[in-house]
Amino acid sequence: MVSSGPLRFDGRVAIVTGSGRGLGREYALLLAQLGASVAVNSITPATTQQTVDDITKAGGKAIACVGDVSDNNVAESIVAKTIDAYGRIDIVINNAGISESLTIEQVTHEQFWKMLNVHVGGAFNITKAAWPHMKKQQFGRVIMMLSGMMFGMPTHVSYGTAKMALLGLARALATDGKHHNILVNSVCPSGLTDLAAKHIQDQGVLTFMRNYMPAVENAPPVLWLAHEDSNVNGENFNFGGRLMSRIFIGETGGYLGSRDVDWTIETVRDNWDKVMDIEKFDLVPDVATFGSRQFERVSAGEVLSRRKPGPTWRLLHPSSLLAGGEAFCLLGRIVADVDDLPGEYVPDDPRQVTKDLTNLEPMEVTSNNVEGFLATTKSKDAKVRLAQILGISSANSEEMSKKTSSPNSYHTYTDAAPTGLRCLNGSPQRRHNETLQEPVQAAG
């Protein structure tokens, strides 16, 4: 439950990489000030120890963990040392990194891959080592430090690439961690540090940043994402100078080509303005939503272009998609031109149902061919749900009517990828993102 009082971190344990100086140091200092025990990490012993000393002198708890987190053995030792000292790990702030100002013609292969190994590899190593501990305790907060350079700057080709790759890592972990109360977000921080000040030649810019964008002001919004009261997950933010804003990935409404005309380069050219139009767009929270939305729109377009009057059903191309090494299924989509739909098709075993539907071609669904499918398929779930939805009798309909779908397997296998029926005549008005909130029990 979100509290309305002061936010503290008493009893929480945090690892902050790259916290010997700069932004990482500010995160570590504020965490300790608010009650957390902090594992301070840097490749430089002196700065690491200085941060630890400053914390302990102020009455806080901290340990020094010197080493390069791009080395997996070092990352594992940092996690082990933290567990030995405090017994748990609640927060990981992946702040460690290096920077180089080089164009693609200037940067060497070695420099490019070193950049990715420090930023992405280091974050991966620490997070992977800490993950089992957070999963066991069913709590964790992971924050990746990105940069505005990920939007593109010719002199920071390797740095910008590494930061954008971190966004991908954060998004992947967020989809996995949410099932275990491990929330993962990323931040593009902006603030004047001692290191940054050395590279700023314009005294006007330096004075402005010193007055309005001190590094210390990045700590409160970052720590909000690390707090137990925050339920934010899979997001990216811009923090700096007390400005907080959301950075998101969106997909435009675009253009869906008709099956009744040729699909040519000229067709693409003539409709490109629709692809680029950002007046209407949808957020893309994860690959399940992205994939199911695409399949749903393409499927609906095919049905609408061939639609016949009357209460007919069409079984569209079934598909399956692999995401993160674990299959979720976009099953054969059954689209109904009827007013009353009893619910979503949510099978107990989507993988088996997908196998059953994979070899079927698009067809008009009638009582005869559906009953034929029900008679031959090995999937009881497919039999039950299709019979329930279409109101078709069968030899074992009484037995099938006793069986319902499991909402638990809906999360396990499909993770919010809606499947099944869609009404084409505007009733009922069940919008896509409304169906993502929770699994729907089978009717019957």
Protein backbone atom coordinates (compact mmCIF):
# COMPACT_ATOMS: atom_id res chain seq x y z
CA MET A 1 0.00 0.00 0.00
CA VAL A 2 1.36 3.42 -0.92
CA SER A 3 2.05 5.56 2.13
CA SER A 4 1.48 9.30 2.34
CA GLY A 5 4.26 9.95 4.84
CA PRO A 6 8.04 10.18 4.47
CA LEU A 7 9.58 7.48 2.30
CA ARG A 8 12.41 5.53 3.86
CA PHE A 9 14.49 2.44 3.07
CA ASP A 10 14.96 0.96 6.54
CA GLY A 11 15.81 -2.72 6.26
CA ARG A 12 16.48 -2.51 2.54
CA VAL A 13 19.82 -3.40 0.94
CA ALA A 14 21.11 -1.76 -2.22
CA ILE A 15 23.99 -2.32 -4.63
CA VAL A 16 24.99 0.83 -6.49
CA THR A 17 27.62 0.31 -9.16
CA GLY A 18 29.86 3.19 -10.15
CA SER A 19 29.12 4.92 -6.85
CA GLY A 20 32.61 6.11 -5.99
CA ARG A 21 31.80 9.50 -7.47
CA GLY A 22 29.31 11.39 -9.61
CA LEU A 23 25.67 10.41 -9.88
CA GLY A 24 26.20 6.96 -8.41
CA ARG A 25 27.68 8.48 -5.27
CA GLU A 26 24.59 10.68 -4.85
CA TYR A 27 22.31 7.64 -5.10
CA ALA A 28 24.35 5.76 -2.52
CA LEU A 29 24.49 8.68 -0.08
CA LEU A 30 20.75 9.32 -0.16
CA LEU A 31 19.89 5.62 0.13
CA ALA A 32 22.05 5.35 3.24
CA GLN A 33 20.66 8.59 4.66
CA LEU A 34 17.15 7.14 4.34
CA GLY A 35 18.03 3.91 6.12
CA ALA A 36 19.28 1.49 3.46
CA SER A 37 22.44 -0.58 3.75
CA VAL A 38 24.55 0.10 0.68
CA ALA A 39 27.18 -1.87 -1.22
CA VAL A 40 29.35 0.82 -2.80
CA ASN A 41 31.11 -0.23 -6.00
CA SER A 42 33.78 1.41 -8.13
CA ILE A 43 36.96 0.36 -9.90
CA THR A 44 38.93 2.88 -7.83
CA PRO A 45 39.63 1.86 -4.21
CA ALA A 46 40.10 5.43 -2.95
CA THR A 47 36.79 6.82 -4.22
CA THR A 48 34.92 3.67 -3.20
CA GLN A 49 36.22 3.91 0.34
CA GLN A 50 35.54 7.65 0.48
CA THR A 51 31.86 7.09 -0.24
CA VAL A 52 31.72 4.34 2.37
CA ASP A 53 33.43 6.56 4.94
CA ASP A 54 31.06 9.44 4.26
CA ILE A 55 28.10 7.12 4.78
CA THR A 56 29.36 5.54 7.99
CA LYS A 57 30.44 8.86 9.49
CA ALA A 58 26.88 10.08 9.02
CA GLY A 59 25.56 7.03 10.87
CA GLY A 60 24.72 4.89 7.85
CA LYS A 61 25.68 1.37 6.82
CA ALA A 62 27.90 0.62 3.82
CA ILE A 63 30.53 -1.78 2.54
CA ALA A 64 33.17 -1.26 -0.13
CA CYS A 65 33.10 -3.54 -3.18
CA VAL A 66 35.97 -2.61 -5.48
CA GLY A 67 36.04 -4.10 -8.97
CA ASP A 68 34.98 -4.00 -12.61
CA VAL A 69 31.42 -5.32 -12.95
CA SER A 70 32.01 -6.17 -16.61
CA ASP A 71 33.92 -9.14 -15.16
CA ASN A 72 31.31 -11.72 -14.24
CA ASN A 73 33.42 -13.11 -11.40
CA VAL A 74 33.68 -9.65 -9.87
CA ALA A 75 29.94 -9.10 -10.16
CA GLU A 76 29.20 -12.40 -8.46
CA SER A 77 31.66 -11.61 -5.67
CA ILE A 78 29.97 -8.23 -5.06
CA VAL A 79 26.60 -9.92 -4.71
CA ALA A 80 28.05 -12.62 -2.45
CA LYS A 81 29.74 -10.03 -0.24
CA THR A 82 26.51 -8.08 0.04
CA ILE A 83 24.55 -11.18 1.01
CA ASP A 84 27.19 -12.11 3.60
CA ALA A 85 27.04 -8.64 5.10
CA TYR A 86 23.31 -7.94 5.04
CA GLY A 87 21.49 -11.16 4.18
CA ARG A 88 19.49 -9.85 1.23
CA ILE A 89 19.49 -7.62 -1.85
CA ASP A 90 16.52 -5.39 -2.59
CA ILE A 91 17.81 -2.74 -4.96
CA VAL A 92 20.30 -2.76 -7.83
CA ILE A 93 21.22 0.55 -9.45
CA ASN A 94 23.32 -0.11 -12.54
CA ASN A 95 25.25 3.13 -12.83
CA ALA A 96 28.77 1.99 -13.75
CA GLY A 97 30.01 3.06 -17.16
CA ILE A 98 32.69 4.64 -19.29
CA SER A 99 32.49 7.29 -22.00
CA GLU A 100 34.32 8.05 -25.24
CA SER A 101 33.68 10.68 -27.89
CA LEU A 102 34.32 8.92 -31.19
CA THR A 103 32.60 8.67 -34.57
CA ILE A 104 32.12 5.37 -36.38
CA GLU A 105 35.24 6.07 -38.44
CA GLN A 106 37.31 6.78 -35.35
CA VAL A 107 36.18 4.06 -32.97
CA THR A 108 37.95 0.71 -33.13
CA HIS A 109 36.24 -2.65 -32.83
CA GLU A 110 37.90 -3.16 -29.47
CA GLN A 111 36.68 0.20 -28.16
CA PHE A 112 33.15 -0.44 -29.39
CA TRP A 113 32.79 -3.82 -27.73
CA LYS A 114 34.48 -2.66 -24.54
CA MET A 115 31.84 0.06 -24.26
CA LEU A 116 29.03 -2.46 -24.59
CA ASN A 117 30.71 -4.88 -22.21
CA VAL A 118 31.04 -2.28 -19.46
CA HIS A 119 27.57 -0.76 -19.75
CA VAL A 120 25.42 -3.68 -20.87
CA GLY A 121 27.60 -6.55 -19.70
CA GLY A 122 28.19 -4.96 -16.30
CA ALA A 123 24.49 -4.34 -15.73
CA PHE A 124 23.67 -7.85 -16.91
CA ASN A 125 26.28 -9.44 -14.66
CA ILE A 126 25.23 -7.71 -11.45
CA THR A 127 21.52 -8.08 -12.12
CA LYS A 128 21.83 -11.75 -13.05
CA ALA A 129 23.77 -12.49 -9.87
CA ALA A 130 21.27 -10.60 -7.70
CA TRP A 131 18.15 -11.88 -9.47
CA PRO A 132 17.76 -15.24 -7.64
CA HIS A 133 17.92 -13.48 -4.28
CA MET A 134 15.26 -10.94 -5.26
CA LYS A 135 13.13 -13.68 -6.77
CA LYS A 136 13.34 -15.78 -3.62
CA GLN A 137 12.22 -12.88 -1.43
CA GLN A 138 9.59 -11.80 -4.03
CA PHE A 139 10.85 -8.25 -4.04
CA GLY A 140 13.34 -6.28 -6.06
CA ARG A 141 13.94 -2.98 -7.76
CA VAL A 142 16.41 -2.65 -10.65
CA ILE A 143 17.30 0.64 -12.32
CA MET A 144 19.40 1.08 -15.46
CA MET A 145 21.20 4.34 -16.11
CA LEU A 146 20.79 5.43 -19.73
CA SER A 147 21.63 8.70 -21.45
CA GLY A 148 20.17 11.13 -23.95
CA MET A 149 23.03 9.99 -26.20
CA MET A 150 20.92 6.95 -27.04
CA PHE A 151 18.81 9.21 -29.27
CA GLY A 152 21.83 9.67 -31.51
CA MET A 153 24.98 11.75 -31.64
CA PRO A 154 27.64 11.15 -34.31
CA THR A 155 30.56 11.51 -31.90
CA HIS A 156 29.17 8.98 -29.41
CA VAL A 157 28.39 6.01 -31.61
CA SER A 158 29.52 3.32 -29.15
CA TYR A 159 28.25 5.09 -26.02
CA GLY A 160 24.84 5.78 -27.54
CA THR A 161 24.57 2.20 -28.76
CA ALA A 162 25.39 0.84 -25.31
CA LYS A 163 22.79 3.03 -23.64
CA MET A 164 20.06 2.04 -26.08
CA ALA A 165 20.99 -1.61 -25.56
CA LEU A 166 20.48 -1.10 -21.83
CA LEU A 167 16.93 -0.02 -22.58
CA GLY A 168 16.32 -3.34 -24.29
CA LEU A 169 17.77 -5.20 -21.32
CA ALA A 170 15.56 -3.26 -18.92
CA ARG A 171 12.42 -3.96 -20.95
CA ALA A 172 13.18 -7.67 -21.17
CA LEU A 173 13.81 -7.96 -17.43
CA ALA A 174 10.67 -5.97 -16.63
CA THR A 175 8.44 -8.50 -18.39
CA ASP A 176 10.02 -11.36 -16.43
CA GLY A 177 10.40 -9.65 -13.08
CA LYS A 178 6.83 -8.41 -12.74
CA HIS A 179 5.68 -11.93 -11.85
CA HIS A 180 7.99 -11.84 -8.81
CA ASN A 181 7.53 -8.23 -7.72
CA ILE A 182 10.87 -7.34 -9.29
CA LEU A 183 10.32 -4.04 -11.06
CA VAL A 184 12.82 -2.80 -13.63
CA ASN A 185 13.04 0.72 -15.03
CA SER A 186 15.57 2.92 -16.80
CA VAL A 187 16.54 6.55 -16.40
CA CYS A 188 18.25 9.19 -18.52
CA PRO A 189 19.83 11.39 -15.82
CA SER A 190 21.27 14.85 -16.38
CA GLY A 191 23.37 16.63 -13.80
CA LEU A 192 26.67 18.39 -13.29
CA THR A 193 29.33 16.13 -11.82
CA ASP A 194 33.00 16.89 -11.27
CA LEU A 195 33.90 14.71 -14.25
CA ALA A 196 31.34 16.38 -16.51
CA ALA A 197 32.52 19.84 -15.48
CA LYS A 198 36.00 19.09 -16.82
CA HIS A 199 34.59 18.62 -20.34
CA ILE A 200 32.39 21.74 -20.45
CA GLN A 201 34.24 24.60 -22.13
CA ASP A 202 31.41 27.14 -22.19
CA GLN A 203 31.41 28.97 -18.86
CA GLY A 204 27.81 30.05 -19.34
CA VAL A 205 26.69 26.43 -19.66
CA LEU A 206 28.83 25.46 -16.69
CA THR A 207 27.33 28.18 -14.52
CA PHE A 208 23.78 27.28 -15.57
CA MET A 209 24.26 23.59 -14.79
CA ARG A 210 25.93 24.35 -11.48
CA ASN A 211 22.96 26.48 -10.45
CA TYR A 212 20.09 24.51 -11.93
CA MET A 213 21.26 20.95 -12.64
CA PRO A 214 23.39 19.72 -9.73
CA ALA A 215 23.98 15.97 -9.65
CA VAL A 216 22.38 15.61 -6.22
CA GLU A 217 18.94 16.47 -7.63
CA ASN A 218 18.87 13.25 -9.66
CA ALA A 219 18.78 11.13 -6.52
CA PRO A 220 15.17 11.65 -5.30
CA PRO A 221 13.39 10.57 -8.53
CA VAL A 222 15.73 7.60 -8.96
CA LEU A 223 15.11 6.51 -5.38
CA TRP A 224 11.36 6.78 -5.90
CA LEU A 225 11.65 4.07 -8.55
CA ALA A 226 13.67 2.01 -6.06
CA HIS A 227 11.11 2.32 -3.28
CA GLU A 228 8.66 -0.41 -2.30
CA ASP A 229 5.72 1.99 -2.72
CA SER A 230 6.49 2.48 -6.41
CA ASN A 231 4.72 0.09 -8.78
CA VAL A 232 6.28 1.54 -11.93
CA ASN A 233 7.70 -1.13 -14.23
CA GLY A 234 9.22 -1.30 -17.70
CA GLU A 235 9.39 2.47 -18.13
CA ASN A 236 12.06 4.98 -19.08
CA PHE A 237 12.35 8.49 -17.68
CA ASN A 238 14.24 11.72 -18.15
CA PHE A 239 15.44 13.25 -14.87
CA GLY A 240 17.48 16.41 -14.47
CA GLY A 241 17.22 19.92 -13.06
CA ARG A 242 14.05 18.88 -11.19
CA LEU A 243 12.44 18.07 -14.52
CA MET A 244 10.83 14.63 -14.65
CA SER A 245 9.32 13.25 -17.84
CA ARG A 246 8.38 9.92 -19.35
CA ILE A 247 10.15 8.62 -22.45
CA PHE A 248 8.13 5.97 -24.22
CA ILE A 249 8.05 3.77 -27.30
CA GLY A 250 4.98 4.20 -29.45
CA GLU A 251 3.54 2.78 -32.65
CA THR A 252 1.57 4.93 -35.07
CA GLY A 253 -1.76 3.87 -36.49
CA GLY A 254 0.05 3.47 -39.78
CA TYR A 255 -1.46 2.06 -42.95
CA LEU A 256 -2.98 -1.38 -43.55
CA GLY A 257 -2.91 -2.36 -47.20
CA SER A 258 -5.94 -3.97 -48.79
CA ARG A 259 -5.78 -7.56 -50.04
CA ASP A 260 -7.85 -6.48 -53.02
CA VAL A 261 -5.04 -4.45 -54.64
CA ASP A 262 -1.43 -5.17 -55.55
CA TRP A 263 1.15 -4.61 -52.81
CA THR A 264 3.90 -2.64 -54.56
CA ILE A 265 6.70 -0.20 -53.78
CA GLU A 266 4.48 2.53 -55.21
CA THR A 267 1.72 1.60 -52.76
CA VAL A 268 4.20 1.99 -49.93
CA ARG A 269 5.38 5.35 -51.28
CA ASP A 270 1.87 6.70 -51.74
CA ASN A 271 0.86 5.83 -48.18
CA TRP A 272 4.08 6.65 -46.36
CA ASP A 273 2.61 9.80 -44.83
CA LYS A 274 0.12 7.61 -42.95
CA VAL A 275 2.98 5.53 -41.57
CA MET A 276 4.75 8.63 -40.29
CA ASP A 277 1.66 10.40 -38.91
CA ILE A 278 1.93 10.58 -35.09
CA GLU A 279 -1.49 12.10 -34.45
CA LYS A 280 -2.74 8.69 -33.32
CA PHE A 281 -0.45 6.16 -31.68
CA ASP A 282 -0.39 3.33 -29.15
CA LEU A 283 2.20 2.66 -26.48
CA VAL A 284 4.20 -0.55 -26.79
CA PRO A 285 4.61 -1.96 -23.27
CA ASP A 286 5.92 -5.40 -24.29
CA VAL A 287 6.29 -7.82 -27.17
CA ALA A 288 3.09 -9.67 -26.25
CA THR A 289 1.03 -6.54 -26.75
CA PHE A 290 3.00 -5.54 -29.85
CA GLY A 291 2.64 -8.94 -31.49
CA SER A 292 -0.99 -9.55 -30.61
CA ARG A 293 -1.96 -6.06 -31.75
CA GLN A 294 -0.28 -6.61 -35.12
CA PHE A 295 -1.87 -10.01 -35.66
CA GLU A 296 -5.25 -8.71 -34.58
CA ARG A 297 -5.18 -5.75 -36.96
CA VAL A 298 -3.97 -7.82 -39.92
CA SER A 299 -6.55 -10.52 -39.18
CA ALA A 300 -9.38 -8.02 -38.84
CA GLY A 301 -8.36 -6.42 -42.13
CA GLU A 302 -8.63 -9.74 -43.93
CA VAL A 303 -12.02 -10.53 -42.44
CA LEU A 304 -13.46 -7.11 -43.22
CA SER A 305 -12.32 -7.29 -46.84
CA ARG A 306 -14.13 -10.62 -47.36
CA ARG A 307 -17.05 -10.17 -45.05
CA LYS A 308 -20.43 -11.66 -45.93
CA PRO A 309 -23.79 -10.74 -44.44
CA GLY A 310 -25.24 -12.94 -41.74
CA PRO A 311 -23.88 -14.72 -38.67
CA THR A 312 -20.73 -16.34 -40.07
CA TRP A 313 -17.43 -17.19 -38.45
CA ARG A 314 -14.00 -17.27 -40.02
CA LEU A 315 -10.99 -19.14 -38.69
CA LEU A 316 -7.96 -17.07 -39.60
CA HIS A 317 -4.32 -18.02 -39.95
CA PRO A 318 -3.07 -19.32 -36.62
CA SER A 319 0.34 -18.19 -35.48
CA SER A 320 2.74 -18.64 -32.62
CA LEU A 321 5.53 -16.37 -31.49
CA LEU A 322 8.62 -16.97 -29.38
CA ALA A 323 9.46 -14.25 -26.88
CA GLY A 324 12.41 -14.39 -24.54
CA GLY A 325 12.87 -18.10 -25.12
CA GLU A 326 9.42 -18.96 -23.78
CA ALA A 327 6.55 -19.59 -26.15
CA PHE A 328 3.31 -17.75 -25.94
CA CYS A 329 0.64 -18.33 -28.46
CA LEU A 330 -1.44 -16.26 -30.78
CA LEU A 331 -3.93 -18.95 -31.61
CA GLY A 332 -6.02 -19.37 -34.70
CA ARG A 333 -8.16 -16.26 -34.49
CA ILE A 334 -11.89 -16.87 -34.64
CA VAL A 335 -13.75 -13.72 -35.60
CA ALA A 336 -17.52 -13.65 -35.10
CA ASP A 337 -20.04 -11.41 -36.81
CA VAL A 338 -22.55 -11.74 -33.97
CA ASP A 339 -23.90 -9.51 -31.23
CA ASP A 340 -23.29 -11.68 -28.19
CA LEU A 341 -19.87 -13.11 -27.38
CA PRO A 342 -19.52 -15.16 -24.19
CA GLY A 343 -15.82 -14.44 -23.64
CA GLU A 344 -12.22 -14.88 -24.68
CA TYR A 345 -10.82 -18.24 -25.72
CA VAL A 346 -8.31 -18.94 -22.93
CA PRO A 347 -7.16 -22.57 -23.12
CA ASP A 348 -5.48 -24.54 -20.37
CA ASP A 349 -2.63 -25.43 -22.70
CA PRO A 350 -2.18 -22.86 -25.48
CA ARG A 351 0.84 -24.72 -26.85
CA GLN A 352 -1.21 -27.83 -27.55
CA VAL A 353 -4.06 -25.85 -29.04
CA THR A 354 -1.65 -24.03 -31.31
CA LYS A 355 -0.35 -27.37 -32.56
CA ASP A 356 -3.91 -28.46 -33.23
CA LEU A 357 -4.69 -25.32 -35.21
CA THR A 358 -1.39 -24.84 -37.02
CA ASN A 359 -2.22 -26.85 -40.14
CA LEU A 360 -5.67 -25.38 -40.70
CA GLU A 361 -6.17 -22.96 -43.58
CA PRO A 362 -8.50 -19.95 -43.41
CA MET A 363 -12.04 -21.22 -43.81
CA GLU A 364 -15.64 -20.33 -43.30
CA VAL A 365 -16.57 -21.97 -40.02
CA THR A 366 -19.79 -23.98 -40.18
CA SER A 367 -21.30 -26.48 -37.84
CA ASN A 368 -20.04 -29.34 -40.00
CA ASN A 369 -16.36 -28.46 -40.27
CA VAL A 370 -16.12 -27.26 -36.67
CA GLU A 371 -17.64 -30.52 -35.46
CA GLY A 372 -15.12 -32.30 -37.65
CA PHE A 373 -12.33 -30.40 -35.94
CA LEU A 374 -13.81 -31.16 -32.53
CA ALA A 375 -13.93 -34.84 -33.40
CA THR A 376 -10.28 -35.07 -34.47
CA THR A 377 -8.38 -32.67 -32.23
CA LYS A 378 -6.63 -34.03 -29.16
CA SER A 379 -7.01 -30.78 -27.27
CA LYS A 380 -9.89 -30.96 -24.82
CA ASP A 381 -9.59 -27.24 -24.26
CA ALA A 382 -10.09 -26.49 -27.93
CA LYS A 383 -13.11 -28.79 -27.99
CA VAL A 384 -14.65 -27.26 -24.92
CA ARG A 385 -14.14 -23.66 -25.82
CA LEU A 386 -15.10 -23.89 -29.48
CA ALA A 387 -18.21 -25.83 -28.56
CA GLN A 388 -19.12 -23.30 -25.90
CA ILE A 389 -18.48 -20.29 -28.10
CA LEU A 390 -20.23 -21.57 -31.21
CA GLY A 391 -23.00 -23.41 -29.40
CA ILE A 392 -22.28 -26.65 -31.25
CA SER A 393 -23.44 -29.94 -29.83
CA SER A 394 -21.19 -32.99 -29.82
CA ALA A 395 -21.19 -36.51 -28.51
CA ASN A 396 -19.39 -35.57 -25.32
CA SER A 397 -20.76 -32.05 -24.89
CA GLU A 398 -22.04 -32.84 -21.40
CA GLU A 399 -18.55 -33.83 -20.26
CA MET A 400 -16.98 -30.84 -22.01
CA SER A 401 -19.39 -28.38 -20.44
CA LYS A 402 -17.98 -29.22 -17.00
CA LYS A 403 -14.51 -28.06 -17.97
CA THR A 404 -13.40 -24.43 -17.90
CA SER A 405 -10.20 -22.64 -18.76
CA SER A 406 -7.48 -21.92 -16.26
CA PRO A 407 -6.62 -18.24 -15.78
CA ASN A 408 -3.28 -19.21 -14.29
CA SER A 409 -2.02 -20.77 -17.51
CA TYR A 410 -3.14 -17.62 -19.33
CA HIS A 411 -0.41 -15.69 -17.55
CA THR A 412 2.10 -18.54 -17.73
CA TYR A 413 1.92 -19.05 -21.46
CA THR A 414 0.35 -16.01 -23.09
CA ASP A 415 1.27 -13.18 -20.72
CA ALA A 416 -1.49 -10.84 -21.85
CA ALA A 417 -1.63 -11.83 -25.52
CA PRO A 418 -5.40 -11.88 -26.13
CA THR A 419 -6.76 -14.59 -28.39
CA GLY A 420 -10.05 -15.84 -29.67
CA LEU A 421 -13.15 -13.92 -30.63
CA ARG A 422 -13.49 -10.40 -31.93
CA CYS A 423 -16.84 -8.89 -32.84
CA LEU A 424 -16.85 -7.02 -36.15
CA ASN A 425 -20.17 -5.17 -35.98
CA GLY A 426 -19.36 -3.00 -32.99
CA SER A 427 -21.02 -5.03 -30.24
CA PRO A 428 -19.87 -5.72 -27.65
CA GLN A 429 -17.37 -2.87 -27.27
CA ARG A 430 -14.47 -4.77 -25.76
CA ARG A 431 -11.33 -2.81 -26.53
CA HIS A 432 -7.95 -4.49 -26.86
CA ASN A 433 -6.26 -2.97 -23.83
CA GLU A 434 -9.25 -3.67 -21.61
CA THR A 435 -8.79 -7.40 -22.20
CA LEU A 436 -5.20 -7.20 -20.98
CA GLN A 437 -6.10 -6.38 -17.40
CA GLU A 438 -6.93 -9.91 -16.31
CA PRO A 439 -7.64 -13.33 -17.80
CA VAL A 440 -11.26 -14.06 -18.66
CA GLN A 441 -12.90 -17.18 -17.27
CA ALA A 442 -14.44 -19.48 -19.82
CA ALA A 443 -18.18 -19.20 -20.17
CA GLY A 444 -20.46 -22.14 -19.65
